[in-house]
């Protein structure tokens, strides 16, 4: 009888203390009353160290990223209106509204810190779930980008000259939920409950422009000994609209060039001089607006034994994506330059009168296949 009473007392104490007789799984208990800050990781999948202007040595902690946090309801996000974006009594209010954060101090990956004021973090509202969006506009939208916010979309007008990089960030809800220390609903992965269980939204940045790399080759020994390239230009639209967030099916996230604008000359920087038969990279890459079927290329060539116009001749050629039709994963074909894709353009010069062009699509954000242009078809 005494033994039974002792067991009963032990059982009562176990219940009162909140423990169970089940085996301890090693996971400490979670205090769901703790207020949770919004902490981010980031993953710049794109190679930001080789953007259009060449090397970007100051990416580490020195570039401005901009972040939005929007309430998520039934798979869509709420873009609030009103004069007070952070109204405490409005559960639909912004959590984070176009707040500037510095790129990771570690470079391509690492934590970014989004502060409300000073070093004070934003905090999740309880029982409210969010989506997060980010962008990097370089200097394509000025020193203080001011997106246009409507009930359905958040957009930003950008203007590029070939040297800027423009990126958008998204999150992988399933991947972030999988990192939790206990089960988290994927549809509720960004909230206070999930944050207490080790969920951190990781912002994945992707390039929005198309990148052209140029390489020059002399077609023969005579050309290599006698010809120099003075400059190279690519004609592309420079203005576009970056859609940061959207609930409108006809306005998906991404960049759309200004349909009314005529292409303008974007001059390759850092390139001028003799060319060799082996071939050399020419100047810095150019970042151009995607979506066009054709891009005109203009080359100014100087030949030593040619005296007219100071020995200079302008050669023009066209990269025509409607003829290229490059294959991409999934068996589809693109007849326009694609955002986030990189194109290696080799120009072969045979003196002043003949220039051939060869284009290969190379890996940038992933393996996008390759293709070539037949010069006889241009």
Protein backbone atom coordinates (compact mmCIF):
# COMPACT_ATOMS: atom_id res chain seq x y z
CA UNK A 1 0.00 0.00 0.00
CA UNK A 2 2.81 2.36 0.89
CA UNK A 3 4.47 1.57 -2.44
CA UNK A 4 1.25 2.42 -4.34
CA UNK A 5 0.95 5.76 -2.57
CA UNK A 6 4.56 6.58 -3.41
CA UNK A 7 3.96 5.81 -7.11
CA UNK A 8 0.80 7.93 -7.08
CA UNK A 9 2.69 10.87 -5.57
CA UNK A 10 5.43 10.53 -8.21
CA UNK A 11 2.83 10.50 -10.97
CA UNK A 12 1.14 13.61 -9.55
CA UNK A 13 4.48 15.43 -9.30
CA UNK A 14 5.30 14.50 -12.91
CA UNK A 15 1.98 15.94 -14.11
CA UNK A 16 2.39 19.12 -12.07
CA UNK A 17 5.92 19.69 -13.30
CA UNK A 18 4.86 19.44 -16.98
CA UNK A 19 7.09 16.44 -17.78
CA UNK A 20 6.00 13.16 -19.28
CA UNK A 21 7.21 9.63 -18.94
CA UNK A 22 8.20 9.58 -22.59
CA UNK A 23 11.86 9.46 -23.56
CA UNK A 24 13.50 12.91 -23.70
CA UNK A 25 14.14 13.79 -27.35
CA UNK A 26 16.86 16.29 -26.48
CA UNK A 27 14.94 19.33 -27.77
CA UNK A 28 14.61 22.04 -25.13
CA UNK A 29 11.10 23.35 -24.43
CA UNK A 30 10.03 26.45 -26.36
CA UNK A 31 8.71 29.49 -24.55
CA UNK A 32 5.91 30.74 -26.81
CA UNK A 33 5.55 33.92 -24.79
CA UNK A 34 8.92 35.29 -25.94
CA UNK A 35 8.71 38.19 -28.40
CA UNK A 36 10.56 37.23 -31.58
CA UNK A 37 12.67 39.55 -33.79
CA UNK A 38 12.74 39.16 -37.56
CA UNK A 39 16.19 37.79 -38.46
CA UNK A 40 17.35 37.05 -42.01
CA UNK A 41 19.86 34.99 -43.84
CA UNK A 42 20.74 35.58 -47.47
CA UNK A 43 22.08 33.61 -50.38
CA UNK A 44 23.33 35.53 -53.39
CA UNK A 45 23.16 32.63 -55.81
CA UNK A 46 24.26 34.92 -58.59
CA UNK A 47 27.95 35.71 -58.85
CA UNK A 48 27.82 39.30 -57.63
CA UNK A 49 31.59 39.65 -57.75
CA UNK A 50 31.45 39.82 -61.54
CA UNK A 51 28.60 42.22 -62.23
CA UNK A 52 28.48 44.49 -65.29
CA UNK A 53 31.06 47.01 -64.06
CA UNK A 54 33.59 44.28 -63.40
CA UNK A 55 34.86 43.33 -59.99
CA UNK A 56 32.74 44.44 -57.05
CA UNK A 57 35.24 44.27 -54.15
CA UNK A 58 33.06 46.24 -51.76
CA UNK A 59 30.06 43.88 -51.79
CA UNK A 60 31.04 42.64 -48.35
CA UNK A 61 28.75 44.57 -46.05
CA UNK A 62 28.77 47.71 -48.19
CA UNK A 63 25.93 47.36 -50.70
CA UNK A 64 22.34 48.47 -50.05
CA UNK A 65 19.61 45.85 -50.15
CA UNK A 66 15.95 46.79 -49.62
CA UNK A 67 13.47 44.56 -47.82
CA UNK A 68 9.67 44.23 -47.58
CA UNK A 69 7.69 42.13 -45.11
CA UNK A 70 4.02 41.67 -46.08
CA UNK A 71 1.23 39.78 -44.36
CA UNK A 72 0.34 36.50 -46.07
CA UNK A 73 -3.33 35.50 -46.25
CA UNK A 74 -4.60 32.50 -48.27
CA UNK A 75 -1.45 32.33 -50.34
CA UNK A 76 -1.44 36.03 -51.21
CA UNK A 77 0.11 39.01 -49.51
CA UNK A 78 -1.56 42.16 -48.30
CA UNK A 79 -0.20 45.45 -49.62
CA UNK A 80 -1.70 47.95 -47.19
CA UNK A 81 -2.78 51.49 -47.90
CA UNK A 82 -2.92 54.40 -45.48
CA UNK A 83 -0.70 57.03 -43.96
CA UNK A 84 0.62 54.86 -41.12
CA UNK A 85 2.27 51.76 -42.61
CA UNK A 86 3.07 50.33 -39.18
CA UNK A 87 -0.29 50.91 -37.45
CA UNK A 88 -0.27 48.73 -34.34
CA UNK A 89 -4.03 48.16 -34.49
CA UNK A 90 -3.95 47.03 -38.14
CA UNK A 91 -2.91 43.41 -38.56
CA UNK A 92 -2.61 44.01 -42.31
CA UNK A 93 -0.05 46.78 -41.86
CA UNK A 94 3.45 46.40 -43.22
CA UNK A 95 5.84 44.43 -41.09
CA UNK A 96 8.78 45.87 -43.04
CA UNK A 97 8.43 48.57 -45.68
CA UNK A 98 11.29 49.19 -48.13
CA UNK A 99 13.87 49.17 -45.36
CA UNK A 100 17.53 49.44 -46.29
CA UNK A 101 19.90 46.73 -45.09
CA UNK A 102 23.56 46.17 -45.82
CA UNK A 103 24.76 43.18 -47.80
CA UNK A 104 26.27 40.30 -45.81
CA UNK A 105 29.65 41.10 -44.30
CA UNK A 106 30.77 37.63 -45.31
CA UNK A 107 30.08 38.25 -48.98
CA UNK A 108 27.85 35.97 -51.06
CA UNK A 109 26.07 34.34 -48.12
CA UNK A 110 25.42 35.22 -44.51
CA UNK A 111 23.16 37.19 -42.23
CA UNK A 112 21.72 40.58 -43.07
CA UNK A 113 20.34 42.85 -40.38
CA UNK A 114 17.11 44.76 -40.94
CA UNK A 115 16.58 47.38 -38.28
CA UNK A 116 13.48 49.44 -37.49
CA UNK A 117 15.47 52.15 -35.72
CA UNK A 118 19.13 52.13 -34.78
CA UNK A 119 19.87 48.54 -33.84
CA UNK A 120 16.29 47.62 -32.89
CA UNK A 121 14.91 44.75 -34.94
CA UNK A 122 11.40 44.43 -36.29
CA UNK A 123 9.27 41.93 -34.34
CA UNK A 124 6.70 39.43 -35.57
CA UNK A 125 3.07 40.02 -34.64
CA UNK A 126 1.59 36.98 -32.95
CA UNK A 127 -0.67 34.69 -35.04
CA UNK A 128 0.19 36.66 -38.18
CA UNK A 129 2.17 35.18 -41.07
CA UNK A 130 4.33 36.93 -43.64
CA UNK A 131 6.18 36.79 -46.92
CA UNK A 132 9.45 38.61 -47.47
CA UNK A 133 10.74 40.30 -50.61
CA UNK A 134 13.96 42.08 -51.38
CA UNK A 135 15.74 43.86 -54.20
CA UNK A 136 19.10 45.31 -55.10
CA UNK A 137 18.99 48.20 -57.56
CA UNK A 138 22.66 49.26 -57.59
CA UNK A 139 22.41 52.92 -58.66
CA UNK A 140 19.69 52.26 -61.24
CA UNK A 141 17.00 53.91 -59.08
CA UNK A 142 18.98 56.66 -57.38
CA UNK A 143 20.42 56.88 -53.89
CA UNK A 144 17.05 56.38 -52.16
CA UNK A 145 14.79 54.07 -54.22
CA UNK A 146 11.09 54.87 -53.80
CA UNK A 147 8.88 52.06 -55.13
CA UNK A 148 5.28 52.67 -56.22
CA UNK A 149 2.91 50.81 -53.92
CA UNK A 150 -0.67 49.96 -54.88
CA UNK A 151 -3.22 47.50 -53.54
CA UNK A 152 -1.96 44.87 -56.00
CA UNK A 153 1.69 45.56 -56.77
CA UNK A 154 4.92 47.12 -55.60
CA UNK A 155 7.06 48.32 -58.50
CA UNK A 156 10.25 50.33 -59.03
CA UNK A 157 11.32 52.24 -62.14
CA UNK A 158 14.97 51.65 -63.04
CA UNK A 159 17.36 53.08 -65.63
CA UNK A 160 20.53 51.22 -66.55
CA UNK A 161 23.56 52.16 -68.64
CA UNK A 162 25.17 48.73 -68.91
CA UNK A 163 27.16 48.87 -65.67
CA UNK A 164 24.44 48.29 -63.07
CA UNK A 165 23.22 45.01 -61.68
CA UNK A 166 19.56 44.68 -60.66
CA UNK A 167 18.41 41.74 -58.52
CA UNK A 168 15.25 40.46 -56.87
CA UNK A 169 15.06 38.27 -53.79
CA UNK A 170 12.64 35.50 -52.94
CA UNK A 171 12.41 32.87 -50.21
CA UNK A 172 12.11 29.09 -50.30
CA UNK A 173 9.33 28.35 -47.83
CA UNK A 174 9.76 24.58 -47.85
CA UNK A 175 13.52 24.75 -47.36
CA UNK A 176 13.23 27.22 -44.50
CA UNK A 177 10.48 25.14 -42.83
CA UNK A 178 12.72 22.06 -43.06
CA UNK A 179 15.30 23.84 -40.88
CA UNK A 180 12.88 24.10 -37.95
CA UNK A 181 13.66 22.23 -34.73
CA UNK A 182 10.09 20.90 -34.70
CA UNK A 183 7.21 20.66 -37.18
CA UNK A 184 6.23 23.96 -38.81
CA UNK A 185 3.38 24.47 -41.30
CA UNK A 186 4.85 25.61 -44.63
CA UNK A 187 1.95 28.04 -45.07
CA UNK A 188 2.83 29.59 -41.70
CA UNK A 189 6.58 29.35 -41.95
CA UNK A 190 7.33 33.04 -41.39
CA UNK A 191 5.81 34.01 -38.08
CA UNK A 192 6.61 34.18 -34.38
CA UNK A 193 5.79 30.51 -33.71
CA UNK A 194 8.15 29.32 -36.48
CA UNK A 195 10.86 31.83 -35.53
CA UNK A 196 10.95 30.35 -32.02
CA UNK A 197 11.66 27.01 -33.69
CA UNK A 198 14.74 28.17 -35.55
CA UNK A 199 13.09 29.26 -38.81
CA UNK A 200 14.90 32.14 -40.48
CA UNK A 201 13.77 33.49 -43.88
CA UNK A 202 16.66 33.19 -46.30
CA UNK A 203 16.54 35.75 -49.10
CA UNK A 204 17.75 34.30 -52.40
CA UNK A 205 18.84 36.97 -54.89
CA UNK A 206 18.62 36.48 -58.68
CA UNK A 207 19.84 38.69 -61.51
CA UNK A 208 17.11 40.45 -63.49
CA UNK A 209 19.19 41.74 -66.42
CA UNK A 210 20.92 39.82 -69.20
CA UNK A 211 24.69 39.87 -69.25
CA UNK A 212 26.89 40.03 -72.36
CA UNK A 213 30.58 39.09 -72.14
CA UNK A 214 32.69 40.06 -75.15
CA UNK A 215 35.81 38.40 -76.52
CA UNK A 216 37.76 39.61 -79.57
CA UNK A 217 39.83 37.46 -81.92
CA UNK A 218 41.90 38.32 -84.96
CA UNK A 219 40.92 36.18 -87.96
CA UNK A 220 44.49 35.95 -89.23
CA UNK A 221 48.06 37.03 -88.46
CA UNK A 222 47.84 40.12 -90.68
CA UNK A 223 44.84 41.40 -88.74
CA UNK A 224 46.53 40.73 -85.40
CA UNK A 225 49.54 42.79 -86.48
CA UNK A 226 47.63 45.71 -87.95
CA UNK A 227 44.20 46.15 -86.38
CA UNK A 228 43.01 47.61 -83.08
CA UNK A 229 39.50 47.93 -81.68
CA UNK A 230 38.70 51.41 -80.40
CA UNK A 231 35.27 50.84 -78.87
CA UNK A 232 32.26 48.56 -78.69
CA UNK A 233 28.62 49.48 -78.13
CA UNK A 234 25.45 47.48 -77.67
CA UNK A 235 22.05 49.04 -78.33
CA UNK A 236 19.50 48.15 -75.66
CA UNK A 237 16.56 49.72 -73.90
CA UNK A 238 17.71 51.38 -70.72
CA UNK A 239 14.44 51.96 -68.86
CA UNK A 240 12.32 49.29 -67.23
CA UNK A 241 9.94 48.48 -64.39
CA UNK A 242 10.97 46.10 -61.63
CA UNK A 243 8.00 44.34 -60.01
CA UNK A 244 9.02 43.57 -56.44
CA UNK A 245 5.72 42.07 -55.25
CA UNK A 246 2.46 41.43 -57.03
CA UNK A 247 -0.93 39.79 -56.59
CA UNK A 248 -1.80 40.58 -60.21
CA UNK A 249 -1.47 37.60 -62.55
CA UNK A 250 -0.55 39.82 -65.49
CA UNK A 251 2.28 41.48 -63.52
CA UNK A 252 4.56 38.73 -62.24
CA UNK A 253 7.70 39.57 -60.29
CA UNK A 254 10.63 40.49 -62.51
CA UNK A 255 11.70 43.27 -64.86
CA UNK A 256 9.89 44.55 -67.95
CA UNK A 257 11.57 46.99 -70.37
CA UNK A 258 9.79 50.20 -71.32
CA UNK A 259 7.89 49.24 -74.48
CA UNK A 260 7.85 52.81 -75.80
CA UNK A 261 11.60 53.41 -75.55
CA UNK A 262 13.97 53.02 -78.49
CA UNK A 263 17.24 51.19 -77.78
CA UNK A 264 20.14 53.41 -76.73
CA UNK A 265 23.89 52.89 -77.00
CA UNK A 266 25.59 51.24 -74.05
CA UNK A 267 29.36 51.59 -74.34
CA UNK A 268 31.64 48.86 -73.12
CA UNK A 269 34.18 50.26 -70.66
CA UNK A 270 37.72 49.12 -70.03
CA UNK A 271 38.38 47.85 -73.52
CA UNK A 272 40.59 49.22 -76.32
CA UNK A 273 43.66 48.01 -78.11
CA UNK A 274 45.26 45.32 -80.24
CA UNK A 275 43.60 41.96 -80.79
CA UNK A 276 45.23 38.54 -81.01
CA UNK A 277 44.54 35.34 -82.90
CA UNK A 278 44.13 33.48 -79.63
CA UNK A 279 41.49 35.96 -78.53
CA UNK A 280 41.10 38.00 -75.37
CA UNK A 281 38.26 39.21 -73.20
CA UNK A 282 37.37 42.75 -74.19
CA UNK A 283 36.39 45.28 -71.56
CA UNK A 284 33.87 44.76 -68.78
CA UNK A 285 30.65 42.81 -69.26
CA UNK A 286 27.50 44.71 -70.18
CA UNK A 287 24.22 44.31 -68.29
CA UNK A 288 21.34 44.91 -70.71
CA UNK A 289 17.56 44.87 -70.54
CA UNK A 290 16.24 41.38 -71.31
CA UNK A 291 13.31 40.54 -73.52
CA UNK A 292 14.52 41.77 -76.92
CA UNK A 293 14.87 39.56 -80.01
CA UNK A 294 17.69 41.65 -81.46
CA UNK A 295 20.60 43.67 -80.11
CA UNK A 296 22.68 45.77 -82.47
CA UNK A 297 26.43 45.70 -81.85
CA UNK A 298 28.66 48.53 -83.09
CA UNK A 299 32.42 48.14 -83.33
CA UNK A 300 34.92 50.91 -84.17
CA UNK A 301 38.05 49.40 -85.74
CA UNK A 302 41.36 51.08 -86.65
CA UNK A 303 43.73 49.63 -89.27
CA UNK A 304 47.28 50.92 -89.43
CA UNK A 305 47.60 51.08 -93.22
CA UNK A 306 44.20 52.73 -93.76
CA UNK A 307 44.30 56.54 -93.89
CA UNK A 308 40.70 57.57 -94.58
CA UNK A 309 38.88 58.96 -91.51
CA UNK A 310 42.03 58.49 -89.40
CA UNK A 311 41.99 54.81 -90.26
CA UNK A 312 38.72 54.16 -88.45
CA UNK A 313 35.79 52.13 -89.70
CA UNK A 314 32.52 51.39 -87.90
CA UNK A 315 31.24 47.85 -88.24
CA UNK A 316 27.66 46.96 -87.27
CA UNK A 317 26.18 43.54 -86.65
CA UNK A 318 23.08 42.12 -84.98
CA UNK A 319 22.61 39.41 -82.38
CA UNK A 320 19.25 37.96 -83.40
CA UNK A 321 17.70 35.68 -80.79
CA UNK A 322 14.79 34.80 -83.07
CA UNK A 323 17.33 32.96 -85.25
CA UNK A 324 19.33 31.51 -82.39
CA UNK A 325 16.44 29.86 -80.51
CA UNK A 326 18.65 28.47 -77.73
CA UNK A 327 17.63 25.29 -75.94
CA UNK A 328 17.09 25.52 -72.19
CA UNK A 329 16.29 22.90 -69.53
CA UNK A 330 12.88 21.36 -70.09
CA UNK A 331 13.20 21.32 -73.86
CA UNK A 332 11.81 24.81 -74.45
CA UNK A 333 13.45 27.48 -76.59
CA UNK A 334 13.94 31.19 -76.02
CA UNK A 335 13.70 33.62 -78.90
CA UNK A 336 14.58 36.60 -76.72
CA UNK A 337 17.39 37.38 -74.31
CA UNK A 338 16.47 36.02 -70.89
CA UNK A 339 16.97 37.73 -67.55
CA UNK A 340 19.59 36.07 -65.40
CA UNK A 341 21.26 34.46 -68.42
CA UNK A 342 24.80 35.17 -69.52
CA UNK A 343 25.85 35.31 -73.16
CA UNK A 344 29.47 34.99 -74.28
CA UNK A 345 29.92 36.91 -77.54
CA UNK A 346 33.06 36.26 -79.58
CA UNK A 347 33.75 38.70 -82.41
CA UNK A 348 36.25 37.61 -85.07
CA UNK A 349 37.80 40.50 -87.03
CA UNK A 350 39.33 40.08 -90.49
CA UNK A 351 40.53 43.62 -91.11
CA UNK A 352 38.14 46.45 -91.79
CA UNK A 353 35.79 44.74 -94.18
CA UNK A 354 34.82 41.47 -92.55
CA UNK A 355 33.61 40.79 -89.03
CA UNK A 356 31.97 37.57 -87.82
CA UNK A 357 30.16 37.02 -84.55
CA UNK A 358 29.75 33.85 -82.52
CA UNK A 359 27.58 33.65 -79.40
CA UNK A 360 27.47 31.03 -76.66
CA UNK A 361 25.11 31.08 -73.69
CA UNK A 362 27.09 30.17 -70.59
CA UNK A 363 26.28 29.39 -66.99
CA UNK A 364 25.59 32.27 -64.63
CA UNK A 365 22.74 31.39 -62.28
CA UNK A 366 22.81 27.80 -63.41
CA UNK A 367 23.23 25.61 -66.48
CA UNK A 368 21.13 27.20 -69.22
CA UNK A 369 22.58 25.32 -72.17
CA UNK A 370 24.47 26.84 -75.08
CA UNK A 371 24.08 27.84 -78.69
CA UNK A 372 25.98 29.38 -81.56
CA UNK A 373 25.22 31.91 -84.25
CA UNK A 374 26.07 31.02 -87.82
CA UNK A 375 27.61 34.24 -89.25
CA UNK A 376 26.21 33.39 -92.69
CA UNK A 377 22.67 33.69 -91.29
CA UNK A 378 23.08 37.17 -89.82
